[in-house]
Amino acid sequence: MDINTLRGIMTGLLIVVFIALFIWAYSKKRHDDFNEAALLPFTGDDLDNISTPKKMEKAQNNKFQGDKL
């Protein structure tokens, strides 16, 4: 095995890693997380009171569960 074979194997591995990363980044499961991250610059310094769609939905679900009790 010479250096050119190693370079070819490394190139192939990096292409596979790039494609896997691309699929992960654009999967529908990550959509909500990326939307939440996109709002972070607008939150200011108070990170405890972030009002993102995910947290608002969670708060609404908790409110509705409290009404059922």
PDB file of N, CA and C in Angstrom:
ATOM      1  N   MET A   1       0.859  -1.170   0.000  1.00  0.00           N
ATOM      2  CA  MET A   1       0.000   0.000   0.000  1.00  0.00           C
ATOM      3  C   MET A   1       0.909   1.238   0.000  1.00  0.00           C
ATOM      4  N   ASP A   2       0.726   2.064  -0.973  1.00  0.00           N
ATOM      5  CA  ASP A   2       1.536   3.277  -1.043  1.00  0.00           C
ATOM      6  C   ASP A   2       0.732   4.492  -0.585  1.00  0.00           C
ATOM      7  N   ILE A   3       1.340   5.654  -0.629  1.00  0.00           N
ATOM      8  CA  ILE A   3       0.728   6.882  -0.118  1.00  0.00           C
ATOM      9  C   ILE A   3      -0.510   7.278  -0.929  1.00  0.00           C
ATOM     10  N   ASN A   4      -0.507   6.978  -2.217  1.00  0.00           N
ATOM     11  CA  ASN A   4      -1.659   7.353  -3.047  1.00  0.00           C
ATOM     12  C   ASN A   4      -2.898   6.533  -2.702  1.00  0.00           C
ATOM     13  N   THR A   5      -2.717   5.285  -2.320  1.00  0.00           N
ATOM     14  CA  THR A   5      -3.846   4.467  -1.879  1.00  0.00           C
ATOM     15  C   THR A   5      -4.415   5.028  -0.579  1.00  0.00           C
ATOM     16  N   LEU A   6      -3.542   5.399   0.327  1.00  0.00           N
ATOM     17  CA  LEU A   6      -3.991   6.004   1.584  1.00  0.00           C
ATOM     18  C   LEU A   6      -4.740   7.309   1.340  1.00  0.00           C
ATOM     19  N   ARG A   7      -4.253   8.119   0.426  1.00  0.00           N
ATOM     20  CA  ARG A   7      -4.934   9.374   0.095  1.00  0.00           C
ATOM     21  C   ARG A   7      -6.310   9.114  -0.500  1.00  0.00           C
ATOM     22  N   GLY A   8      -6.426   8.105  -1.314  1.00  0.00           N
ATOM     23  CA  GLY A   8      -7.724   7.748  -1.899  1.00  0.00           C
ATOM     24  C   GLY A   8      -8.714   7.275  -0.858  1.00  0.00           C
ATOM     25  N   ILE A   9      -8.228   6.451   0.078  1.00  0.00           N
ATOM     26  CA  ILE A   9      -9.097   5.973   1.154  1.00  0.00           C
ATOM     27  C   ILE A   9      -9.535   7.132   2.033  1.00  0.00           C
ATOM     28  N   MET A  10      -8.622   8.021   2.355  1.00  0.00           N
ATOM     29  CA  MET A  10      -8.950   9.180   3.194  1.00  0.00           C
ATOM     30  C   MET A  10      -9.958  10.082   2.481  1.00  0.00           C
ATOM     31  N   THR A  11      -9.788  10.294   1.198  1.00  0.00           N
ATOM     32  CA  THR A  11     -10.732  11.120   0.441  1.00  0.00           C
ATOM     33  C   THR A  11     -12.121  10.491   0.453  1.00  0.00           C
ATOM     34  N   GLY A  12     -12.189   9.181   0.259  1.00  0.00           N
ATOM     35  CA  GLY A  12     -13.476   8.481   0.291  1.00  0.00           C
ATOM     36  C   GLY A  12     -14.146   8.595   1.648  1.00  0.00           C
ATOM     37  N   LEU A  13     -13.378   8.433   2.723  1.00  0.00           N
ATOM     38  CA  LEU A  13     -13.935   8.553   4.069  1.00  0.00           C
ATOM     39  C   LEU A  13     -14.458   9.969   4.339  1.00  0.00           C
ATOM     40  N   LEU A  14     -13.711  10.964   3.898  1.00  0.00           N
ATOM     41  CA  LEU A  14     -14.141  12.342   4.117  1.00  0.00           C
ATOM     42  C   LEU A  14     -15.398  12.684   3.322  1.00  0.00           C
ATOM     43  N   ILE A  15     -15.542  12.110   2.143  1.00  0.00           N
ATOM     44  CA  ILE A  15     -16.765  12.322   1.356  1.00  0.00           C
ATOM     45  C   ILE A  15     -17.959  11.710   2.083  1.00  0.00           C
ATOM     46  N   VAL A  16     -17.783  10.508   2.633  1.00  0.00           N
ATOM     47  CA  VAL A  16     -18.865   9.855   3.378  1.00  0.00           C
ATOM     48  C   VAL A  16     -19.235  10.670   4.614  1.00  0.00           C
ATOM     49  N   VAL A  17     -18.246  11.184   5.343  1.00  0.00           N
ATOM     50  CA  VAL A  17     -18.510  12.007   6.517  1.00  0.00           C
ATOM     51  C   VAL A  17     -19.239  13.293   6.132  1.00  0.00           C
ATOM     52  N   PHE A  18     -18.836  13.909   5.031  1.00  0.00           N
ATOM     53  CA  PHE A  18     -19.493  15.131   4.578  1.00  0.00           C
ATOM     54  C   PHE A  18     -20.952  14.873   4.226  1.00  0.00           C
ATOM     55  N   ILE A  19     -21.225  13.796   3.518  1.00  0.00           N
ATOM     56  CA  ILE A  19     -22.604  13.474   3.133  1.00  0.00           C
ATOM     57  C   ILE A  19     -23.441  13.174   4.376  1.00  0.00           C
ATOM     58  N   ALA A  20     -22.871  12.448   5.342  1.00  0.00           N
ATOM     59  CA  ALA A  20     -23.599  12.152   6.587  1.00  0.00           C
ATOM     60  C   ALA A  20     -23.909  13.429   7.352  1.00  0.00           C
ATOM     61  N   LEU A  21     -22.958  14.343   7.420  1.00  0.00           N
ATOM     62  CA  LEU A  21     -23.175  15.618   8.105  1.00  0.00           C
ATOM     63  C   LEU A  21     -24.243  16.448   7.389  1.00  0.00           C
ATOM     64  N   PHE A  22     -24.237  16.439   6.086  1.00  0.00           N
ATOM     65  CA  PHE A  22     -25.236  17.158   5.288  1.00  0.00           C
ATOM     66  C   PHE A  22     -26.631  16.599   5.558  1.00  0.00           C
ATOM     67  N   ILE A  23     -26.764  15.281   5.565  1.00  0.00           N
ATOM     68  CA  ILE A  23     -28.062  14.652   5.828  1.00  0.00           C
ATOM     69  C   ILE A  23     -28.529  14.970   7.244  1.00  0.00           C
ATOM     70  N   TRP A  24     -27.623  14.928   8.215  1.00  0.00           N
ATOM     71  CA  TRP A  24     -27.984  15.236   9.597  1.00  0.00           C
ATOM     72  C   TRP A  24     -28.459  16.680   9.731  1.00  0.00           C
ATOM     73  N   ALA A  25     -27.745  17.601   9.093  1.00  0.00           N
ATOM     74  CA  ALA A  25     -28.061  19.022   9.244  1.00  0.00           C
ATOM     75  C   ALA A  25     -29.394  19.381   8.598  1.00  0.00           C
ATOM     76  N   TYR A  26     -29.752  18.745   7.518  1.00  0.00           N
ATOM     77  CA  TYR A  26     -30.974  19.086   6.816  1.00  0.00           C
ATOM     78  C   TYR A  26     -32.110  18.114   7.080  1.00  0.00           C
ATOM     79  N   SER A  27     -31.993  17.265   8.089  1.00  0.00           N
ATOM     80  CA  SER A  27     -33.084  16.355   8.417  1.00  0.00           C
ATOM     81  C   SER A  27     -34.212  17.134   9.100  1.00  0.00           C
ATOM     82  N   LYS A  28     -35.402  16.619   9.005  1.00  0.00           N
ATOM     83  CA  LYS A  28     -36.561  17.302   9.586  1.00  0.00           C
ATOM     84  C   LYS A  28     -36.527  17.283  11.113  1.00  0.00           C
ATOM     85  N   LYS A  29     -35.843  16.320  11.714  1.00  0.00           N
ATOM     86  CA  LYS A  29     -35.745  16.263  13.171  1.00  0.00           C
ATOM     87  C   LYS A  29     -34.997  17.467  13.731  1.00  0.00           C
ATOM     88  N   ARG A  30     -34.070  18.035  12.994  1.00  0.00           N
ATOM     89  CA  ARG A  30     -33.243  19.133  13.461  1.00  0.00           C
ATOM     90  C   ARG A  30     -33.878  20.504  13.212  1.00  0.00           C
ATOM     91  N   HIS A  31     -34.983  20.546  12.488  1.00  0.00           N
ATOM     92  CA  HIS A  31     -35.599  21.811  12.086  1.00  0.00           C
ATOM     93  C   HIS A  31     -35.939  22.687  13.293  1.00  0.00           C
ATOM     94  N   ASP A  32     -36.593  22.123  14.302  1.00  0.00           N
ATOM     95  CA  ASP A  32     -36.994  22.907  15.475  1.00  0.00           C
ATOM     96  C   ASP A  32     -35.777  23.405  16.260  1.00  0.00           C
ATOM     97  N   ASP A  33     -34.766  22.557  16.374  1.00  0.00           N
ATOM     98  CA  ASP A  33     -33.556  22.967  17.100  1.00  0.00           C
ATOM     99  C   ASP A  33     -32.850  24.118  16.400  1.00  0.00           C
ATOM    100  N   PHE A  34     -32.786  24.069  15.079  1.00  0.00           N
ATOM    101  CA  PHE A  34     -32.131  25.144  14.346  1.00  0.00           C
ATOM    102  C   PHE A  34     -32.965  26.430  14.376  1.00  0.00           C
ATOM    103  N   ASN A  35     -34.276  26.318  14.377  1.00  0.00           N
ATOM    104  CA  ASN A  35     -35.117  27.512  14.513  1.00  0.00           C
ATOM    105  C   ASN A  35     -34.905  28.164  15.879  1.00  0.00           C
ATOM    106  N   GLU A  36     -34.792  27.346  16.909  1.00  0.00           N
ATOM    107  CA  GLU A  36     -34.542  27.874  18.251  1.00  0.00           C
ATOM    108  C   GLU A  36     -33.166  28.543  18.313  1.00  0.00           C
ATOM    109  N   ALA A  37     -32.174  27.925  17.707  1.00  0.00           N
ATOM    110  CA  ALA A  37     -30.823  28.494  17.704  1.00  0.00           C
ATOM    111  C   ALA A  37     -30.773  29.791  16.897  1.00  0.00           C
ATOM    112  N   ALA A  38     -31.611  29.891  15.874  1.00  0.00           N
ATOM    113  CA  ALA A  38     -31.626  31.098  15.047  1.00  0.00           C
ATOM    114  C   ALA A  38     -32.142  32.302  15.829  1.00  0.00           C
ATOM    115  N   LEU A  39     -32.938  32.076  16.868  1.00  0.00           N
ATOM    116  CA  LEU A  39     -33.497  33.170  17.665  1.00  0.00           C
ATOM    117  C   LEU A  39     -32.573  33.611  18.806  1.00  0.00           C
ATOM    118  N   LEU A  40     -31.512  32.877  19.077  1.00  0.00           N
ATOM    119  CA  LEU A  40     -30.630  33.191  20.197  1.00  0.00           C
ATOM    120  C   LEU A  40     -30.026  34.595  20.147  1.00  0.00           C
ATOM    121  N   PRO A  41     -29.637  35.131  18.992  1.00  0.00           N
ATOM    122  CA  PRO A  41     -29.069  36.482  18.998  1.00  0.00           C
ATOM    123  C   PRO A  41     -30.049  37.557  19.459  1.00  0.00           C
ATOM    124  N   PHE A  42     -31.328  37.285  19.405  1.00  0.00           N
ATOM    125  CA  PHE A  42     -32.339  38.273  19.763  1.00  0.00           C
ATOM    126  C   PHE A  42     -32.798  38.153  21.207  1.00  0.00           C
ATOM    127  N   THR A  43     -32.224  37.233  21.977  1.00  0.00           N
ATOM    128  CA  THR A  43     -32.702  37.006  23.334  1.00  0.00           C
ATOM    129  C   THR A  43     -32.096  37.948  24.346  1.00  0.00           C
ATOM    130  N   GLY A  44     -30.961  38.526  24.073  1.00  0.00           N
ATOM    131  CA  GLY A  44     -30.315  39.410  25.037  1.00  0.00           C
ATOM    132  C   GLY A  44     -29.468  38.615  26.002  1.00  0.00           C
ATOM    133  N   ASP A  45     -29.179  39.212  27.163  1.00  0.00           N
ATOM    134  CA  ASP A  45     -28.308  38.566  28.127  1.00  0.00           C
ATOM    135  C   ASP A  45     -29.041  37.624  29.070  1.00  0.00           C
ATOM    136  N   ASP A  46     -30.325  37.762  29.197  1.00  0.00           N
ATOM    137  CA  ASP A  46     -31.099  36.946  30.128  1.00  0.00           C
ATOM    138  C   ASP A  46     -31.469  35.630  29.459  1.00  0.00           C
ATOM    139  N   LEU A  47     -30.621  34.622  29.595  1.00  0.00           N
ATOM    140  CA  LEU A  47     -30.846  33.353  28.919  1.00  0.00           C
ATOM    141  C   LEU A  47     -31.873  32.479  29.621  1.00  0.00           C
ATOM    142  N   ASP A  48     -32.262  32.821  30.849  1.00  0.00           N
ATOM    143  CA  ASP A  48     -33.256  32.023  31.551  1.00  0.00           C
ATOM    144  C   ASP A  48     -34.665  32.270  31.028  1.00  0.00           C
ATOM    145  N   ASN A  49     -34.911  33.418  30.464  1.00  0.00           N
ATOM    146  CA  ASN A  49     -36.251  33.774  29.999  1.00  0.00           C
ATOM    147  C   ASN A  49     -36.348  33.773  28.483  1.00  0.00           C
ATOM    148  N   ILE A  50     -35.747  32.808  27.833  1.00  0.00           N
ATOM    149  CA  ILE A  50     -35.810  32.716  26.372  1.00  0.00           C
ATOM    150  C   ILE A  50     -37.212  32.273  25.985  1.00  0.00           C
ATOM    151  N   SER A  51     -37.839  33.021  25.108  1.00  0.00           N
ATOM    152  CA  SER A  51     -39.167  32.644  24.643  1.00  0.00           C
ATOM    153  C   SER A  51     -39.056  32.161  23.202  1.00  0.00           C
ATOM    154  N   THR A  52     -38.728  30.903  23.067  1.00  0.00           N
ATOM    155  CA  THR A  52     -38.637  30.287  21.749  1.00  0.00           C
ATOM    156  C   THR A  52     -39.903  29.483  21.501  1.00  0.00           C
ATOM    157  N   PRO A  53     -40.187  29.174  20.264  1.00  0.00           N
ATOM    158  CA  PRO A  53     -41.410  28.411  19.977  1.00  0.00           C
ATOM    159  C   PRO A  53     -41.465  27.089  20.735  1.00  0.00           C
ATOM    160  N   LYS A  54     -40.327  26.422  20.889  1.00  0.00           N
ATOM    161  CA  LYS A  54     -40.304  25.140  21.582  1.00  0.00           C
ATOM    162  C   LYS A  54     -40.662  25.318  23.057  1.00  0.00           C
ATOM    163  N   LYS A  55     -40.111  26.350  23.707  1.00  0.00           N
ATOM    164  CA  LYS A  55     -40.397  26.586  25.119  1.00  0.00           C
ATOM    165  C   LYS A  55     -41.826  27.087  25.310  1.00  0.00           C
ATOM    166  N   MET A  56     -42.313  27.882  24.378  1.00  0.00           N
ATOM    167  CA  MET A  56     -43.692  28.362  24.480  1.00  0.00           C
ATOM    168  C   MET A  56     -44.666  27.193  24.358  1.00  0.00           C
ATOM    169  N   GLU A  57     -44.369  26.265  23.442  1.00  0.00           N
ATOM    170  CA  GLU A  57     -45.229  25.096  23.276  1.00  0.00           C
ATOM    171  C   GLU A  57     -45.206  24.232  24.530  1.00  0.00           C
ATOM    172  N   LYS A  58     -44.027  24.089  25.120  1.00  0.00           N
ATOM    173  CA  LYS A  58     -43.909  23.295  26.339  1.00  0.00           C
ATOM    174  C   LYS A  58     -44.697  23.944  27.476  1.00  0.00           C
ATOM    175  N   ALA A  59     -44.656  25.268  27.576  1.00  0.00           N
ATOM    176  CA  ALA A  59     -45.393  25.978  28.615  1.00  0.00           C
ATOM    177  C   ALA A  59     -46.891  25.828  28.406  1.00  0.00           C
ATOM    178  N   GLN A  60     -47.337  25.885  27.158  1.00  0.00           N
ATOM    179  CA  GLN A  60     -48.760  25.716  26.876  1.00  0.00           C
ATOM    180  C   GLN A  60     -49.216  24.304  27.214  1.00  0.00           C
ATOM    181  N   ASN A  61     -48.389  23.312  26.915  1.00  0.00           N
ATOM    182  CA  ASN A  61     -48.736  21.932  27.239  1.00  0.00           C
ATOM    183  C   ASN A  61     -48.842  21.744  28.748  1.00  0.00           C
ATOM    184  N   ASN A  62     -47.934  22.347  29.492  1.00  0.00           N
ATOM    185  CA  ASN A  62     -47.992  22.261  30.952  1.00  0.00           C
ATOM    186  C   ASN A  62     -49.246  22.939  31.488  1.00  0.00           C
ATOM    187  N   LYS A  63     -49.639  24.059  30.876  1.00  0.00           N
ATOM    188  CA  LYS A  63     -50.828  24.780  31.310  1.00  0.00           C
ATOM    189  C   LYS A  63     -52.064  23.920  31.082  1.00  0.00           C
ATOM    190  N   PHE A  64     -52.146  23.281  29.929  1.00  0.00           N
ATOM    191  CA  PHE A  64     -53.309  22.443  29.620  1.00  0.00           C
ATOM    192  C   PHE A  64     -53.354  21.211  30.504  1.00  0.00           C
ATOM    193  N   GLN A  65     -52.211  20.659  30.843  1.00  0.00           N
ATOM    194  CA  GLN A  65     -52.187  19.496  31.736  1.00  0.00           C
ATOM    195  C   GLN A  65     -52.627  19.899  33.128  1.00  0.00           C
ATOM    196  N   GLY A  66     -52.305  21.126  33.547  1.00  0.00           N
ATOM    197  CA  GLY A  66     -52.731  21.602  34.859  1.00  0.00           C
ATOM    198  C   GLY A  66     -54.228  21.799  34.927  1.00  0.00           C
ATOM    199  N   ASP A  67     -54.858  22.158  33.790  1.00  0.00           N
ATOM    200  CA  ASP A  67     -56.299  22.345  33.754  1.00  0.00           C
ATOM    201  C   ASP A  67     -57.036  21.020  33.910  1.00  0.00           C
ATOM    202  N   LYS A  68     -56.433  19.922  33.457  1.00  0.00           N
ATOM    203  CA  LYS A  68     -57.087  18.612  33.525  1.00  0.00           C
ATOM    204  C   LYS A  68     -57.114  18.053  34.933  1.00  0.00           C
ATOM    205  N   LEU A  69     -56.207  18.518  35.784  1.00  0.00           N
ATOM    206  CA  LEU A  69     -56.160  17.975  37.152  1.00  0.00           C
ATOM    207  C   LEU A  69     -57.270  18.543  37.924  1.00  0.00           C
TER     208      LEU A  69
END
